[in-house]
Amino acid sequence: MKKEYDFSKAKKNPYTKLLKKQITINLSEEVLDYFKEMSDKTSIPYQTLINFYLLDCVKSKKKIDISWKL
């Protein structure tokens, strides 16, 4: 192993834009329970399932229908 390496000609990783960004989000217990149950059935981590669902919303350009019922 070399003591020093020359990184002067190194290129930035072109895939960094594809990485996920860690955030904090508050979810209702009902939502969390739902995705955790789906996680148990599919053996996919619940965070990944939430990301899959949100990504599907983005790709299909779903619009949120917010109507408050009093």
N, C-alpha and C. Protein backbone atom coordinates (compact mmCIF):
# COMPACT_ATOMS: atom_id res chain seq x y z
N MET A 1 0.84 -1.17 0.00
CA MET A 1 0.00 0.00 0.00
C MET A 1 0.89 1.24 0.00
N LYS A 2 0.52 2.20 -0.83
CA LYS A 2 1.29 3.43 -0.90
C LYS A 2 1.05 4.29 0.35
N LYS A 3 2.05 5.11 0.66
CA LYS A 3 1.89 6.03 1.78
C LYS A 3 1.01 7.21 1.39
N GLU A 4 1.08 7.60 0.09
CA GLU A 4 0.28 8.72 -0.40
C GLU A 4 -0.30 8.37 -1.76
N TYR A 5 -1.49 8.89 -2.02
CA TYR A 5 -2.15 8.68 -3.31
C TYR A 5 -2.43 10.03 -3.94
N ASP A 6 -2.38 10.07 -5.28
CA ASP A 6 -2.62 11.31 -6.02
C ASP A 6 -4.07 11.33 -6.49
N PHE A 7 -4.87 12.21 -5.90
CA PHE A 7 -6.28 12.34 -6.26
C PHE A 7 -6.54 13.59 -7.11
N SER A 8 -5.49 14.18 -7.64
CA SER A 8 -5.65 15.42 -8.40
C SER A 8 -6.47 15.22 -9.68
N LYS A 9 -6.50 14.03 -10.22
CA LYS A 9 -7.26 13.76 -11.45
C LYS A 9 -8.54 12.97 -11.16
N ALA A 10 -8.93 12.93 -9.91
CA ALA A 10 -10.13 12.19 -9.52
C ALA A 10 -11.38 12.91 -10.02
N LYS A 11 -12.43 12.14 -10.30
CA LYS A 11 -13.70 12.69 -10.75
C LYS A 11 -14.73 12.48 -9.65
N LYS A 12 -15.69 13.40 -9.58
CA LYS A 12 -16.77 13.26 -8.62
C LYS A 12 -17.64 12.06 -9.00
N ASN A 13 -18.20 11.41 -8.00
CA ASN A 13 -19.07 10.27 -8.23
C ASN A 13 -20.34 10.75 -8.95
N PRO A 14 -20.61 10.22 -10.16
CA PRO A 14 -21.80 10.67 -10.90
C PRO A 14 -23.11 10.14 -10.30
N TYR A 15 -23.02 9.21 -9.36
CA TYR A 15 -24.22 8.59 -8.80
C TYR A 15 -24.66 9.23 -7.48
N THR A 16 -23.97 10.27 -7.03
CA THR A 16 -24.33 10.87 -5.74
C THR A 16 -25.72 11.48 -5.76
N LYS A 17 -26.20 11.90 -6.93
CA LYS A 17 -27.55 12.45 -7.02
C LYS A 17 -28.61 11.38 -6.77
N LEU A 18 -28.25 10.12 -6.93
CA LEU A 18 -29.21 9.03 -6.74
C LEU A 18 -29.30 8.57 -5.29
N LEU A 19 -28.41 9.08 -4.45
CA LEU A 19 -28.41 8.68 -3.04
C LEU A 19 -29.61 9.26 -2.33
N LYS A 20 -30.02 8.60 -1.28
CA LYS A 20 -31.15 9.08 -0.49
C LYS A 20 -30.66 10.09 0.54
N LYS A 21 -31.55 10.95 0.94
CA LYS A 21 -31.24 11.96 1.94
C LYS A 21 -31.99 11.63 3.22
N GLN A 22 -31.28 11.61 4.31
CA GLN A 22 -31.91 11.30 5.59
C GLN A 22 -32.66 12.52 6.10
N ILE A 23 -33.92 12.29 6.51
CA ILE A 23 -34.75 13.36 7.06
C ILE A 23 -35.44 12.86 8.31
N THR A 24 -36.10 13.77 8.99
CA THR A 24 -36.95 13.41 10.11
C THR A 24 -38.37 13.76 9.72
N ILE A 25 -39.30 12.83 9.92
CA ILE A 25 -40.69 13.07 9.55
C ILE A 25 -41.58 12.51 10.66
N ASN A 26 -42.63 13.23 10.97
CA ASN A 26 -43.59 12.77 11.96
C ASN A 26 -44.75 12.08 11.24
N LEU A 27 -44.97 10.83 11.57
CA LEU A 27 -46.05 10.05 10.98
C LEU A 27 -47.01 9.61 12.08
N SER A 28 -48.26 9.49 11.71
CA SER A 28 -49.22 9.00 12.69
C SER A 28 -48.93 7.53 12.98
N GLU A 29 -49.35 7.11 14.13
CA GLU A 29 -49.14 5.71 14.53
C GLU A 29 -49.86 4.76 13.57
N GLU A 30 -51.00 5.19 13.08
CA GLU A 30 -51.79 4.39 12.14
C GLU A 30 -51.00 4.14 10.85
N VAL A 31 -50.36 5.18 10.33
CA VAL A 31 -49.56 5.07 9.11
C VAL A 31 -48.36 4.16 9.36
N LEU A 32 -47.70 4.38 10.46
CA LEU A 32 -46.52 3.58 10.80
C LEU A 32 -46.89 2.10 10.97
N ASP A 33 -47.97 1.83 11.67
CA ASP A 33 -48.43 0.45 11.85
C ASP A 33 -48.74 -0.22 10.52
N TYR A 34 -49.38 0.53 9.63
CA TYR A 34 -49.72 0.00 8.31
C TYR A 34 -48.47 -0.44 7.56
N PHE A 35 -47.48 0.44 7.49
CA PHE A 35 -46.27 0.12 6.74
C PHE A 35 -45.43 -0.96 7.44
N LYS A 36 -45.46 -0.99 8.75
CA LYS A 36 -44.75 -2.05 9.46
C LYS A 36 -45.41 -3.41 9.22
N GLU A 37 -46.73 -3.42 9.14
CA GLU A 37 -47.45 -4.66 8.82
C GLU A 37 -47.11 -5.13 7.41
N MET A 38 -47.07 -4.18 6.47
CA MET A 38 -46.70 -4.51 5.09
C MET A 38 -45.24 -5.00 5.04
N SER A 39 -44.42 -4.44 5.89
CA SER A 39 -43.03 -4.85 5.97
C SER A 39 -42.91 -6.31 6.42
N ASP A 40 -43.71 -6.67 7.41
CA ASP A 40 -43.70 -8.06 7.88
C ASP A 40 -44.13 -9.03 6.79
N LYS A 41 -45.10 -8.62 5.98
CA LYS A 41 -45.62 -9.49 4.91
C LYS A 41 -44.66 -9.60 3.73
N THR A 42 -43.92 -8.54 3.47
CA THR A 42 -43.07 -8.52 2.27
C THR A 42 -41.59 -8.70 2.55
N SER A 43 -41.20 -8.61 3.82
CA SER A 43 -39.79 -8.67 4.22
C SER A 43 -38.97 -7.52 3.63
N ILE A 44 -39.64 -6.40 3.39
CA ILE A 44 -38.98 -5.19 2.93
C ILE A 44 -39.06 -4.19 4.08
N PRO A 45 -37.97 -3.53 4.44
CA PRO A 45 -38.02 -2.58 5.55
C PRO A 45 -39.11 -1.52 5.34
N TYR A 46 -39.80 -1.17 6.42
CA TYR A 46 -40.93 -0.25 6.29
C TYR A 46 -40.52 1.11 5.75
N GLN A 47 -39.29 1.56 6.06
CA GLN A 47 -38.84 2.84 5.51
C GLN A 47 -38.74 2.77 3.99
N THR A 48 -38.29 1.63 3.50
CA THR A 48 -38.18 1.43 2.05
C THR A 48 -39.56 1.41 1.42
N LEU A 49 -40.52 0.78 2.08
CA LEU A 49 -41.89 0.75 1.55
C LEU A 49 -42.48 2.15 1.48
N ILE A 50 -42.25 2.95 2.50
CA ILE A 50 -42.73 4.32 2.50
C ILE A 50 -42.09 5.09 1.34
N ASN A 51 -40.80 4.90 1.14
CA ASN A 51 -40.11 5.55 0.04
C ASN A 51 -40.66 5.09 -1.31
N PHE A 52 -40.90 3.77 -1.46
CA PHE A 52 -41.49 3.24 -2.71
C PHE A 52 -42.83 3.89 -2.98
N TYR A 53 -43.66 4.00 -1.94
CA TYR A 53 -44.99 4.57 -2.12
C TYR A 53 -44.90 6.04 -2.52
N LEU A 54 -44.07 6.80 -1.84
CA LEU A 54 -43.93 8.21 -2.17
C LEU A 54 -43.32 8.41 -3.56
N LEU A 55 -42.38 7.56 -3.92
CA LEU A 55 -41.79 7.64 -5.26
C LEU A 55 -42.83 7.33 -6.33
N ASP A 56 -43.71 6.37 -6.05
CA ASP A 56 -44.80 6.07 -6.97
C ASP A 56 -45.72 7.28 -7.14
N CYS A 57 -45.99 7.98 -6.05
CA CYS A 57 -46.81 9.20 -6.11
C CYS A 57 -46.14 10.25 -6.99
N VAL A 58 -44.83 10.39 -6.85
CA VAL A 58 -44.09 11.37 -7.64
C VAL A 58 -44.13 11.00 -9.11
N LYS A 59 -43.84 9.74 -9.42
CA LYS A 59 -43.76 9.31 -10.82
C LYS A 59 -45.12 9.36 -11.51
N SER A 60 -46.19 9.08 -10.78
CA SER A 60 -47.52 9.12 -11.39
C SER A 60 -48.17 10.50 -11.24
N LYS A 61 -47.42 11.43 -10.65
CA LYS A 61 -47.88 12.81 -10.47
C LYS A 61 -49.23 12.89 -9.77
N LYS A 62 -49.37 12.09 -8.73
CA LYS A 62 -50.61 12.11 -7.95
C LYS A 62 -50.77 13.47 -7.27
N LYS A 63 -51.96 13.95 -7.25
CA LYS A 63 -52.28 15.21 -6.59
C LYS A 63 -53.01 14.90 -5.29
N ILE A 64 -52.72 15.68 -4.29
CA ILE A 64 -53.35 15.49 -2.98
C ILE A 64 -54.69 16.21 -2.98
N ASP A 65 -55.74 15.48 -2.63
CA ASP A 65 -57.06 16.09 -2.50
C ASP A 65 -57.33 16.34 -1.03
N ILE A 66 -57.17 17.58 -0.64
CA ILE A 66 -57.38 17.93 0.76
C ILE A 66 -58.73 18.63 0.89
N SER A 67 -59.63 17.97 1.54
CA SER A 67 -60.92 18.59 1.81
C SER A 67 -61.27 18.34 3.27
N TRP A 68 -61.39 19.41 4.00
CA TRP A 68 -61.67 19.31 5.42
C TRP A 68 -63.16 19.16 5.66
N LYS A 69 -63.48 18.16 6.44
CA LYS A 69 -64.88 17.94 6.79
C LYS A 69 -65.09 18.37 8.24
N LEU A 70 -66.00 19.28 8.42
CA LEU A 70 -66.27 19.78 9.77
C LEU A 70 -67.52 19.16 10.33
